[in-house]
Each structure stands twice: as C-alpha cells, then as structure tokens.
Amino acid sequence: VVRAAESRTIATKLAQQEIERWKSMS
C-alpha cells in the first residue's frame, strides 16, 4: 500500500510536471 501510494504520488507529480511544461510551451 505504501509502495503503491508512493508510485501514485510520483506519477501524479510527473504528470503535473508535464502539464506545466506544456503550458509554458503550448
């Protein structure tokens, strides 16, 4: 459960980083 929560947190962080990256270079 802890590992899955950590993976979801990492995935969410990476997805948010990609969203912000493409917002800055739309």
mmCIF file of all heavy atoms, coordinates in Angstrom:
data_MODEL
# 
_entry.id   MODEL 
# 
loop_
_atom_site.group_PDB 
_atom_site.id 
_atom_site.type_symbol 
_atom_site.label_atom_id 
_atom_site.label_alt_id 
_atom_site.label_comp_id 
_atom_site.label_asym_id 
_atom_site.label_entity_id 
_atom_site.label_seq_id 
_atom_site.pdbx_PDB_ins_code 
_atom_site.Cartn_x 
_atom_site.Cartn_y 
_atom_site.Cartn_z 
_atom_site.occupancy 
_atom_site.B_iso_or_equiv 
_atom_site.pdbx_formal_charge 
_atom_site.auth_seq_id 
_atom_site.auth_comp_id 
_atom_site.auth_asym_id 
_atom_site.auth_atom_id 
_atom_site.pdbx_PDB_model_num 
ATOM 1   N N   . VAL A 1 1  ? 0.831  -1.204 0.000   1.00 0.00 ? 1  VAL A N   1 
ATOM 2   C CA  . VAL A 1 1  ? 0.000  0.000  0.000   1.00 0.00 ? 1  VAL A CA  1 
ATOM 3   C C   . VAL A 1 1  ? 0.864  1.251  0.000   1.00 0.00 ? 1  VAL A C   1 
ATOM 4   O O   . VAL A 1 1  ? 0.620  2.221  -0.738  1.00 0.00 ? 1  VAL A O   1 
ATOM 5   C CB  . VAL A 1 1  ? -0.960 -0.018 1.218   1.00 0.00 ? 1  VAL A CB  1 
ATOM 6   C CG1 . VAL A 1 1  ? -1.674 1.322  1.356   1.00 0.00 ? 1  VAL A CG1 1 
ATOM 7   C CG2 . VAL A 1 1  ? -1.962 -1.149 1.088   1.00 0.00 ? 1  VAL A CG2 1 
ATOM 8   N N   . VAL A 1 2  ? 1.921  1.214  0.834   1.00 0.00 ? 2  VAL A N   1 
ATOM 9   C CA  . VAL A 1 2  ? 2.833  2.366  0.883   1.00 0.00 ? 2  VAL A CA  1 
ATOM 10  C C   . VAL A 1 2  ? 3.533  2.552  -0.456  1.00 0.00 ? 2  VAL A C   1 
ATOM 11  O O   . VAL A 1 2  ? 3.657  3.678  -0.960  1.00 0.00 ? 2  VAL A O   1 
ATOM 12  C CB  . VAL A 1 2  ? 3.862  2.182  2.018   1.00 0.00 ? 2  VAL A CB  1 
ATOM 13  C CG1 . VAL A 1 2  ? 4.922  3.271  1.967   1.00 0.00 ? 2  VAL A CG1 1 
ATOM 14  C CG2 . VAL A 1 2  ? 3.159  2.187  3.369   1.00 0.00 ? 2  VAL A CG2 1 
ATOM 15  N N   . ARG A 1 3  ? 3.991  1.421  -1.061  1.00 0.00 ? 3  ARG A N   1 
ATOM 16  C CA  . ARG A 1 3  ? 4.660  1.489  -2.361  1.00 0.00 ? 3  ARG A CA  1 
ATOM 17  C C   . ARG A 1 3  ? 3.716  2.016  -3.434  1.00 0.00 ? 3  ARG A C   1 
ATOM 18  O O   . ARG A 1 3  ? 4.098  2.854  -4.273  1.00 0.00 ? 3  ARG A O   1 
ATOM 19  C CB  . ARG A 1 3  ? 5.187  0.112  -2.723  1.00 0.00 ? 3  ARG A CB  1 
ATOM 20  C CG  . ARG A 1 3  ? 5.871  0.009  -4.081  1.00 0.00 ? 3  ARG A CG  1 
ATOM 21  C CD  . ARG A 1 3  ? 7.200  0.733  -4.076  1.00 0.00 ? 3  ARG A CD  1 
ATOM 22  N NE  . ARG A 1 3  ? 7.891  0.495  -5.339  1.00 0.00 ? 3  ARG A NE  1 
ATOM 23  C CZ  . ARG A 1 3  ? 8.712  -0.532 -5.560  1.00 0.00 ? 3  ARG A CZ  1 
ATOM 24  N NH1 . ARG A 1 3  ? 8.940  -1.422 -4.605  1.00 0.00 ? 3  ARG A NH1 1 
ATOM 25  N NH2 . ARG A 1 3  ? 9.306  -0.669 -6.724  1.00 0.00 ? 3  ARG A NH2 1 
ATOM 26  N N   . ALA A 1 4  ? 2.480  1.517  -3.444  1.00 0.00 ? 4  ALA A N   1 
ATOM 27  C CA  . ALA A 1 4  ? 1.502  1.985  -4.427  1.00 0.00 ? 4  ALA A CA  1 
ATOM 28  C C   . ALA A 1 4  ? 1.200  3.467  -4.241  1.00 0.00 ? 4  ALA A C   1 
ATOM 29  O O   . ALA A 1 4  ? 1.092  4.223  -5.218  1.00 0.00 ? 4  ALA A O   1 
ATOM 30  C CB  . ALA A 1 4  ? 0.222  1.163  -4.326  1.00 0.00 ? 4  ALA A CB  1 
ATOM 31  N N   . ALA A 1 5  ? 1.088  3.888  -2.981  1.00 0.00 ? 5  ALA A N   1 
ATOM 32  C CA  . ALA A 1 5  ? 0.832  5.309  -2.727  1.00 0.00 ? 5  ALA A CA  1 
ATOM 33  C C   . ALA A 1 5  ? 2.008  6.160  -3.194  1.00 0.00 ? 5  ALA A C   1 
ATOM 34  O O   . ALA A 1 5  ? 1.821  7.249  -3.763  1.00 0.00 ? 5  ALA A O   1 
ATOM 35  C CB  . ALA A 1 5  ? 0.565  5.523  -1.237  1.00 0.00 ? 5  ALA A CB  1 
ATOM 36  N N   . GLU A 1 6  ? 3.233  5.657  -2.966  1.00 0.00 ? 6  GLU A N   1 
ATOM 37  C CA  . GLU A 1 6  ? 4.412  6.396  -3.422  1.00 0.00 ? 6  GLU A CA  1 
ATOM 38  C C   . GLU A 1 6  ? 4.453  6.471  -4.936  1.00 0.00 ? 6  GLU A C   1 
ATOM 39  O O   . GLU A 1 6  ? 4.757  7.522  -5.518  1.00 0.00 ? 6  GLU A O   1 
ATOM 40  C CB  . GLU A 1 6  ? 5.676  5.726  -2.892  1.00 0.00 ? 6  GLU A CB  1 
ATOM 41  C CG  . GLU A 1 6  ? 6.954  6.480  -3.258  1.00 0.00 ? 6  GLU A CG  1 
ATOM 42  C CD  . GLU A 1 6  ? 8.191  5.806  -2.685  1.00 0.00 ? 6  GLU A CD  1 
ATOM 43  O OE1 . GLU A 1 6  ? 8.043  4.726  -2.084  1.00 0.00 ? 6  GLU A OE1 1 
ATOM 44  O OE2 . GLU A 1 6  ? 9.292  6.363  -2.842  1.00 0.00 ? 6  GLU A OE2 1 
ATOM 45  N N   . SER A 1 7  ? 4.112  5.350  -5.614  1.00 0.00 ? 7  SER A N   1 
ATOM 46  C CA  . SER A 1 7  ? 4.101  5.340  -7.075  1.00 0.00 ? 7  SER A CA  1 
ATOM 47  C C   . SER A 1 7  ? 3.050  6.296  -7.608  1.00 0.00 ? 7  SER A C   1 
ATOM 48  O O   . SER A 1 7  ? 3.292  7.023  -8.588  1.00 0.00 ? 7  SER A O   1 
ATOM 49  C CB  . SER A 1 7  ? 3.849  3.925  -7.593  1.00 0.00 ? 7  SER A CB  1 
ATOM 50  O OG  . SER A 1 7  ? 4.872  3.038  -7.176  1.00 0.00 ? 7  SER A OG  1 
ATOM 51  N N   . ARG A 1 8  ? 1.863  6.316  -6.987  1.00 0.00 ? 8  ARG A N   1 
ATOM 52  C CA  . ARG A 1 8  ? 0.822  7.247  -7.432  1.00 0.00 ? 8  ARG A CA  1 
ATOM 53  C C   . ARG A 1 8  ? 1.256  8.686  -7.227  1.00 0.00 ? 8  ARG A C   1 
ATOM 54  O O   . ARG A 1 8  ? 0.989  9.559  -8.069  1.00 0.00 ? 8  ARG A O   1 
ATOM 55  C CB  . ARG A 1 8  ? -0.485 6.961  -6.685  1.00 0.00 ? 8  ARG A CB  1 
ATOM 56  C CG  . ARG A 1 8  ? -1.242 5.755  -7.183  1.00 0.00 ? 8  ARG A CG  1 
ATOM 57  C CD  . ARG A 1 8  ? -2.651 5.725  -6.640  1.00 0.00 ? 8  ARG A CD  1 
ATOM 58  N NE  . ARG A 1 8  ? -2.664 5.568  -5.198  1.00 0.00 ? 8  ARG A NE  1 
ATOM 59  C CZ  . ARG A 1 8  ? -2.722 4.393  -4.586  1.00 0.00 ? 8  ARG A CZ  1 
ATOM 60  N NH1 . ARG A 1 8  ? -2.763 3.273  -5.301  1.00 0.00 ? 8  ARG A NH1 1 
ATOM 61  N NH2 . ARG A 1 8  ? -2.729 4.314  -3.266  1.00 0.00 ? 8  ARG A NH2 1 
ATOM 62  N N   . THR A 1 9  ? 1.935  8.937  -6.115  1.00 0.00 ? 9  THR A N   1 
ATOM 63  C CA  . THR A 1 9  ? 2.427  10.294 -5.865  1.00 0.00 ? 9  THR A CA  1 
ATOM 64  C C   . THR A 1 9  ? 3.447  10.714 -6.913  1.00 0.00 ? 9  THR A C   1 
ATOM 65  O O   . THR A 1 9  ? 3.404  11.833 -7.438  1.00 0.00 ? 9  THR A O   1 
ATOM 66  C CB  . THR A 1 9  ? 3.057  10.373 -4.464  1.00 0.00 ? 9  THR A CB  1 
ATOM 67  O OG1 . THR A 1 9  ? 2.079  10.008 -3.486  1.00 0.00 ? 9  THR A OG1 1 
ATOM 68  C CG2 . THR A 1 9  ? 3.556  11.780 -4.174  1.00 0.00 ? 9  THR A CG2 1 
ATOM 69  N N   . ILE A 1 10 ? 4.376  9.793  -7.228  1.00 0.00 ? 10 ILE A N   1 
ATOM 70  C CA  . ILE A 1 10 ? 5.380  10.090 -8.246  1.00 0.00 ? 10 ILE A CA  1 
ATOM 71  C C   . ILE A 1 10 ? 4.717  10.309 -9.603  1.00 0.00 ? 10 ILE A C   1 
ATOM 72  O O   . ILE A 1 10 ? 5.050  11.249 -10.327 1.00 0.00 ? 10 ILE A O   1 
ATOM 73  C CB  . ILE A 1 10 ? 6.419  8.953  -8.317  1.00 0.00 ? 10 ILE A CB  1 
ATOM 74  C CG1 . ILE A 1 10 ? 7.252  8.923  -7.032  1.00 0.00 ? 10 ILE A CG1 1 
ATOM 75  C CG2 . ILE A 1 10 ? 7.321  9.122  -9.527  1.00 0.00 ? 10 ILE A CG2 1 
ATOM 76  C CD1 . ILE A 1 10 ? 8.208  7.755  -6.959  1.00 0.00 ? 10 ILE A CD1 1 
ATOM 77  N N   . ALA A 1 11 ? 3.772  9.410  -9.954  1.00 0.00 ? 11 ALA A N   1 
ATOM 78  C CA  . ALA A 1 11 ? 3.087  9.542  -11.244 1.00 0.00 ? 11 ALA A CA  1 
ATOM 79  C C   . ALA A 1 11 ? 2.324  10.857 -11.325 1.00 0.00 ? 11 ALA A C   1 
ATOM 80  O O   . ALA A 1 11 ? 2.342  11.541 -12.356 1.00 0.00 ? 11 ALA A O   1 
ATOM 81  C CB  . ALA A 1 11 ? 2.149  8.366  -11.453 1.00 0.00 ? 11 ALA A CB  1 
ATOM 82  N N   . THR A 1 12 ? 1.657  11.227 -10.244 1.00 0.00 ? 12 THR A N   1 
ATOM 83  C CA  . THR A 1 12 ? 0.927  12.491 -10.235 1.00 0.00 ? 12 THR A CA  1 
ATOM 84  C C   . THR A 1 12 ? 1.874  13.669 -10.379 1.00 0.00 ? 12 THR A C   1 
ATOM 85  O O   . THR A 1 12 ? 1.593  14.624 -11.111 1.00 0.00 ? 12 THR A O   1 
ATOM 86  C CB  . THR A 1 12 ? 0.128  12.616 -8.926  1.00 0.00 ? 12 THR A CB  1 
ATOM 87  O OG1 . THR A 1 12 ? -0.769 11.514 -8.806  1.00 0.00 ? 12 THR A OG1 1 
ATOM 88  C CG2 . THR A 1 12 ? -0.664 13.915 -8.905  1.00 0.00 ? 12 THR A CG2 1 
ATOM 89  N N   . LYS A 1 13 ? 3.016  13.584 -9.690  1.00 0.00 ? 13 LYS A N   1 
ATOM 90  C CA  . LYS A 1 13 ? 3.993  14.659 -9.781  1.00 0.00 ? 13 LYS A CA  1 
ATOM 91  C C   . LYS A 1 13 ? 4.556  14.787 -11.186 1.00 0.00 ? 13 LYS A C   1 
ATOM 92  O O   . LYS A 1 13 ? 4.685  15.892 -11.726 1.00 0.00 ? 13 LYS A O   1 
ATOM 93  C CB  . LYS A 1 13 ? 5.127  14.411 -8.778  1.00 0.00 ? 13 LYS A CB  1 
ATOM 94  C CG  . LYS A 1 13 ? 6.161  15.525 -8.722  1.00 0.00 ? 13 LYS A CG  1 
ATOM 95  C CD  . LYS A 1 13 ? 7.195  15.256 -7.652  1.00 0.00 ? 13 LYS A CD  1 
ATOM 96  C CE  . LYS A 1 13 ? 8.230  16.386 -7.594  1.00 0.00 ? 13 LYS A CE  1 
ATOM 97  N NZ  . LYS A 1 13 ? 9.255  16.141 -6.542  1.00 0.00 ? 13 LYS A NZ  1 
ATOM 98  N N   . LEU A 1 14 ? 4.888  13.633 -11.813 1.00 0.00 ? 14 LEU A N   1 
ATOM 99  C CA  . LEU A 1 14 ? 5.410  13.667 -13.175 1.00 0.00 ? 14 LEU A CA  1 
ATOM 100 C C   . LEU A 1 14 ? 4.369  14.190 -14.157 1.00 0.00 ? 14 LEU A C   1 
ATOM 101 O O   . LEU A 1 14 ? 4.690  14.979 -15.061 1.00 0.00 ? 14 LEU A O   1 
ATOM 102 C CB  . LEU A 1 14 ? 5.866  12.270 -13.592 1.00 0.00 ? 14 LEU A CB  1 
ATOM 103 C CG  . LEU A 1 14 ? 7.104  11.720 -12.881 1.00 0.00 ? 14 LEU A CG  1 
ATOM 104 C CD1 . LEU A 1 14 ? 7.334  10.274 -13.277 1.00 0.00 ? 14 LEU A CD1 1 
ATOM 105 C CD2 . LEU A 1 14 ? 8.326  12.563 -13.190 1.00 0.00 ? 14 LEU A CD2 1 
ATOM 106 N N   . ALA A 1 15 ? 3.119  13.736 -13.996 1.00 0.00 ? 15 ALA A N   1 
ATOM 107 C CA  . ALA A 1 15 ? 2.061  14.220 -14.880 1.00 0.00 ? 15 ALA A CA  1 
ATOM 108 C C   . ALA A 1 15 ? 1.857  15.719 -14.725 1.00 0.00 ? 15 ALA A C   1 
ATOM 109 O O   . ALA A 1 15 ? 1.688  16.445 -15.714 1.00 0.00 ? 15 ALA A O   1 
ATOM 110 C CB  . ALA A 1 15 ? 0.756  13.470 -14.588 1.00 0.00 ? 15 ALA A CB  1 
ATOM 111 N N   . GLN A 1 16 ? 1.894  16.195 -13.494 1.00 0.00 ? 16 GLN A N   1 
ATOM 112 C CA  . GLN A 1 16 ? 1.728  17.625 -13.267 1.00 0.00 ? 16 GLN A CA  1 
ATOM 113 C C   . GLN A 1 16 ? 2.899  18.405 -13.858 1.00 0.00 ? 16 GLN A C   1 
ATOM 114 O O   . GLN A 1 16 ? 2.711  19.491 -14.422 1.00 0.00 ? 16 GLN A O   1 
ATOM 115 C CB  . GLN A 1 16 ? 1.604  17.910 -11.763 1.00 0.00 ? 16 GLN A CB  1 
ATOM 116 C CG  . GLN A 1 16 ? 1.226  19.346 -11.427 1.00 0.00 ? 16 GLN A CG  1 
ATOM 117 C CD  . GLN A 1 16 ? -0.122 19.725 -11.989 1.00 0.00 ? 16 GLN A CD  1 
ATOM 118 O OE1 . GLN A 1 16 ? -1.057 18.933 -11.971 1.00 0.00 ? 16 GLN A OE1 1 
ATOM 119 N NE2 . GLN A 1 16 ? -0.237 20.952 -12.495 1.00 0.00 ? 16 GLN A NE2 1 
ATOM 120 N N   . GLN A 1 17 ? 4.109  17.850 -13.751 1.00 0.00 ? 17 GLN A N   1 
ATOM 121 C CA  . GLN A 1 17 ? 5.264  18.498 -14.358 1.00 0.00 ? 17 GLN A CA  1 
ATOM 122 C C   . GLN A 1 17 ? 5.111  18.597 -15.861 1.00 0.00 ? 17 GLN A C   1 
ATOM 123 O O   . GLN A 1 17 ? 5.440  19.625 -16.473 1.00 0.00 ? 17 GLN A O   1 
ATOM 124 C CB  . GLN A 1 17 ? 6.538  17.729 -14.002 1.00 0.00 ? 17 GLN A CB  1 
ATOM 125 C CG  . GLN A 1 17 ? 6.982  17.878 -12.557 1.00 0.00 ? 17 GLN A CG  1 
ATOM 126 C CD  . GLN A 1 17 ? 8.208  17.037 -12.230 1.00 0.00 ? 17 GLN A CD  1 
ATOM 127 O OE1 . GLN A 1 17 ? 8.646  16.231 -13.050 1.00 0.00 ? 17 GLN A OE1 1 
ATOM 128 N NE2 . GLN A 1 17 ? 8.757  17.227 -11.052 1.00 0.00 ? 17 GLN A NE2 1 
ATOM 129 N N   . GLU A 1 18 ? 4.607  17.511 -16.495 1.00 0.00 ? 18 GLU A N   1 
ATOM 130 C CA  . GLU A 1 18 ? 4.394  17.546 -17.942 1.00 0.00 ? 18 GLU A CA  1 
ATOM 131 C C   . GLU A 1 18 ? 3.331  18.567 -18.314 1.00 0.00 ? 18 GLU A C   1 
ATOM 132 O O   . GLU A 1 18 ? 3.463  19.298 -19.307 1.00 0.00 ? 18 GLU A O   1 
ATOM 133 C CB  . GLU A 1 18 ? 3.985  16.162 -18.443 1.00 0.00 ? 18 GLU A CB  1 
ATOM 134 C CG  . GLU A 1 18 ? 5.139  15.199 -18.598 1.00 0.00 ? 18 GLU A CG  1 
ATOM 135 C CD  . GLU A 1 18 ? 6.117  15.668 -19.664 1.00 0.00 ? 18 GLU A CD  1 
ATOM 136 O OE1 . GLU A 1 18 ? 5.761  15.682 -20.853 1.00 0.00 ? 18 GLU A OE1 1 
ATOM 137 O OE2 . GLU A 1 18 ? 7.239  16.057 -19.287 1.00 0.00 ? 18 GLU A OE2 1 
ATOM 138 N N   . ILE A 1 19 ? 2.261  18.633 -17.530 1.00 0.00 ? 19 ILE A N   1 
ATOM 139 C CA  . ILE A 1 19 ? 1.206  19.614 -17.802 1.00 0.00 ? 19 ILE A CA  1 
ATOM 140 C C   . ILE A 1 19 ? 1.760  21.030 -17.718 1.00 0.00 ? 19 ILE A C   1 
ATOM 141 O O   . ILE A 1 19 ? 1.515  21.876 -18.592 1.00 0.00 ? 19 ILE A O   1 
ATOM 142 C CB  . ILE A 1 19 ? 0.027  19.428 -16.825 1.00 0.00 ? 19 ILE A CB  1 
ATOM 143 C CG1 . ILE A 1 19 ? -0.682 18.101 -17.107 1.00 0.00 ? 19 ILE A CG1 1 
ATOM 144 C CG2 . ILE A 1 19 ? -0.951 20.596 -16.927 1.00 0.00 ? 19 ILE A CG2 1 
ATOM 145 C CD1 . ILE A 1 19 ? -1.754 17.760 -16.112 1.00 0.00 ? 19 ILE A CD1 1 
ATOM 146 N N   . GLU A 1 20 ? 2.530  21.300 -16.677 1.00 0.00 ? 20 GLU A N   1 
ATOM 147 C CA  . GLU A 1 20 ? 3.100  22.633 -16.525 1.00 0.00 ? 20 GLU A CA  1 
ATOM 148 C C   . GLU A 1 20 ? 4.114  22.924 -17.624 1.00 0.00 ? 20 GLU A C   1 
ATOM 149 O O   . GLU A 1 20 ? 4.212  24.057 -18.108 1.00 0.00 ? 20 GLU A O   1 
ATOM 150 C CB  . GLU A 1 20 ? 3.771  22.754 -15.146 1.00 0.00 ? 20 GLU A CB  1 
ATOM 151 C CG  . GLU A 1 20 ? 2.808  22.641 -13.966 1.00 0.00 ? 20 GLU A CG  1 
ATOM 152 C CD  . GLU A 1 20 ? 1.732  23.707 -14.007 1.00 0.00 ? 20 GLU A CD  1 
ATOM 153 O OE1 . GLU A 1 20 ? 2.037  24.845 -14.438 1.00 0.00 ? 20 GLU A OE1 1 
ATOM 154 O OE2 . GLU A 1 20 ? 0.585  23.414 -13.620 1.00 0.00 ? 20 GLU A OE2 1 
ATOM 155 N N   . ARG A 1 21 ? 4.871  21.886 -18.023 1.00 0.00 ? 21 ARG A N   1 
ATOM 156 C CA  . ARG A 1 21 ? 5.852  22.091 -19.093 1.00 0.00 ? 21 ARG A CA  1 
ATOM 157 C C   . ARG A 1 21 ? 5.167  22.488 -20.387 1.00 0.00 ? 21 ARG A C   1 
ATOM 158 O O   . ARG A 1 21 ? 5.590  23.418 -21.074 1.00 0.00 ? 21 ARG A O   1 
ATOM 159 C CB  . ARG A 1 21 ? 6.674  20.819 -19.293 1.00 0.00 ? 21 ARG A CB  1 
ATOM 160 C CG  . ARG A 1 21 ? 7.741  20.931 -20.386 1.00 0.00 ? 21 ARG A CG  1 
ATOM 161 C CD  . ARG A 1 21 ? 8.714  19.783 -20.283 1.00 0.00 ? 21 ARG A CD  1 
ATOM 162 N NE  . ARG A 1 21 ? 8.185  18.559 -20.813 1.00 0.00 ? 21 ARG A NE  1 
ATOM 163 C CZ  . ARG A 1 21 ? 8.547  18.032 -21.992 1.00 0.00 ? 21 ARG A CZ  1 
ATOM 164 N NH1 . ARG A 1 21 ? 9.422  18.662 -22.746 1.00 0.00 ? 21 ARG A NH1 1 
ATOM 165 N NH2 . ARG A 1 21 ? 8.051  16.898 -22.393 1.00 0.00 ? 21 ARG A NH2 1 
ATOM 166 N N   . TRP A 1 22 ? 4.076  21.788 -20.725 1.00 0.00 ? 22 TRP A N   1 
ATOM 167 C CA  . TRP A 1 22 ? 3.393  22.100 -21.971 1.00 0.00 ? 22 TRP A CA  1 
ATOM 168 C C   . TRP A 1 22 ? 2.578  23.379 -21.877 1.00 0.00 ? 22 TRP A C   1 
ATOM 169 O O   . TRP A 1 22 ? 2.323  24.030 -22.902 1.00 0.00 ? 22 TRP A O   1 
ATOM 170 C CB  . TRP A 1 22 ? 2.512  20.934 -22.398 1.00 0.00 ? 22 TRP A CB  1 
ATOM 171 C CG  . TRP A 1 22 ? 3.327  19.815 -22.986 1.00 0.00 ? 22 TRP A CG  1 
ATOM 172 C CD1 . TRP A 1 22 ? 3.542  18.585 -22.448 1.00 0.00 ? 22 TRP A CD1 1 
ATOM 173 C CD2 . TRP A 1 22 ? 4.053  19.847 -24.209 1.00 0.00 ? 22 TRP A CD2 1 
ATOM 174 N NE1 . TRP A 1 22 ? 4.356  17.837 -23.259 1.00 0.00 ? 22 TRP A NE1 1 
ATOM 175 C CE2 . TRP A 1 22 ? 4.688  18.588 -24.349 1.00 0.00 ? 22 TRP A CE2 1 
ATOM 176 C CE3 . TRP A 1 22 ? 4.232  20.811 -25.199 1.00 0.00 ? 22 TRP A CE3 1 
ATOM 177 C CZ2 . TRP A 1 22 ? 5.486  18.278 -25.431 1.00 0.00 ? 22 TRP A CZ2 1 
ATOM 178 C CZ3 . TRP A 1 22 ? 5.028  20.498 -26.286 1.00 0.00 ? 22 TRP A CZ3 1 
ATOM 179 C CH2 . TRP A 1 22 ? 5.635  19.246 -26.393 1.00 0.00 ? 22 TRP A CH2 1 
ATOM 180 N N   . LYS A 1 23 ? 2.162  23.754 -20.678 1.00 0.00 ? 23 LYS A N   1 
ATOM 181 C CA  . LYS A 1 23 ? 1.511  25.060 -20.525 1.00 0.00 ? 23 LYS A CA  1 
ATOM 182 C C   . LYS A 1 23 ? 2.480  26.180 -20.882 1.00 0.00 ? 23 LYS A C   1 
ATOM 183 O O   . LYS A 1 23 ? 2.088  27.185 -21.473 1.00 0.00 ? 23 LYS A O   1 
ATOM 184 C CB  . LYS A 1 23 ? 1.017  25.237 -19.087 1.00 0.00 ? 23 LYS A CB  1 
ATOM 185 C CG  . LYS A 1 23 ? -0.287 24.526 -18.768 1.00 0.00 ? 23 LYS A CG  1 
ATOM 186 C CD  . LYS A 1 23 ? -0.714 24.823 -17.343 1.00 0.00 ? 23 LYS A CD  1 
ATOM 187 C CE  . LYS A 1 23 ? -2.035 24.152 -17.004 1.00 0.00 ? 23 LYS A CE  1 
ATOM 188 N NZ  . LYS A 1 23 ? -2.447 24.433 -15.599 1.00 0.00 ? 23 LYS A NZ  1 
ATOM 189 N N   . SER A 1 24 ? 3.737  25.995 -20.492 1.00 0.00 ? 24 SER A N   1 
ATOM 190 C CA  . SER A 1 24 ? 4.731  27.037 -20.758 1.00 0.00 ? 24 SER A CA  1 
ATOM 191 C C   . SER A 1 24 ? 5.204  27.040 -22.200 1.00 0.00 ? 24 SER A C   1 
ATOM 192 O O   . SER A 1 24 ? 5.853  27.991 -22.638 1.00 0.00 ? 24 SER A O   1 
ATOM 193 C CB  . SER A 1 24 ? 5.930  26.858 -19.823 1.00 0.00 ? 24 SER A CB  1 
ATOM 194 O OG  . SER A 1 24 ? 6.596  25.625 -20.077 1.00 0.00 ? 24 SER A OG  1 
ATOM 195 N N   . MET A 1 25 ? 4.927  25.970 -22.954 1.00 0.00 ? 25 MET A N   1 
ATOM 196 C CA  . MET A 1 25 ? 5.342  25.897 -24.359 1.00 0.00 ? 25 MET A CA  1 
ATOM 197 C C   . MET A 1 25 ? 4.187  25.380 -25.215 1.00 0.00 ? 25 MET A C   1 
ATOM 198 O O   . MET A 1 25 ? 4.360  24.521 -26.082 1.00 0.00 ? 25 MET A O   1 
ATOM 199 C CB  . MET A 1 25 ? 6.571  25.003 -24.510 1.00 0.00 ? 25 MET A CB  1 
ATOM 200 C CG  . MET A 1 25 ? 6.449  23.631 -23.874 1.00 0.00 ? 25 MET A CG  1 
ATOM 201 S SD  . MET A 1 25 ? 7.980  22.655 -23.956 1.00 0.00 ? 25 MET A SD  1 
ATOM 202 C CE  . MET A 1 25 ? 8.181  22.433 -25.711 1.00 0.00 ? 25 MET A CE  1 
ATOM 203 N N   . SER A 1 26 ? 2.992  25.933 -24.980 1.00 0.00 ? 26 SER A N   1 
ATOM 204 C CA  . SER A 1 26 ? 1.806  25.480 -25.704 1.00 0.00 ? 26 SER A CA  1 
ATOM 205 C C   . SER A 1 26 ? 1.915  25.738 -27.200 1.00 0.00 ? 26 SER A C   1 
ATOM 206 O O   . SER A 1 26 ? 1.318  25.019 -28.011 1.00 0.00 ? 26 SER A O   1 
ATOM 207 C CB  . SER A 1 26 ? 0.554  26.162 -25.141 1.00 0.00 ? 26 SER A CB  1 
ATOM 208 O OG  . SER A 1 26 ? 0.682  27.577 -25.218 1.00 0.00 ? 26 SER A OG  1 
# 
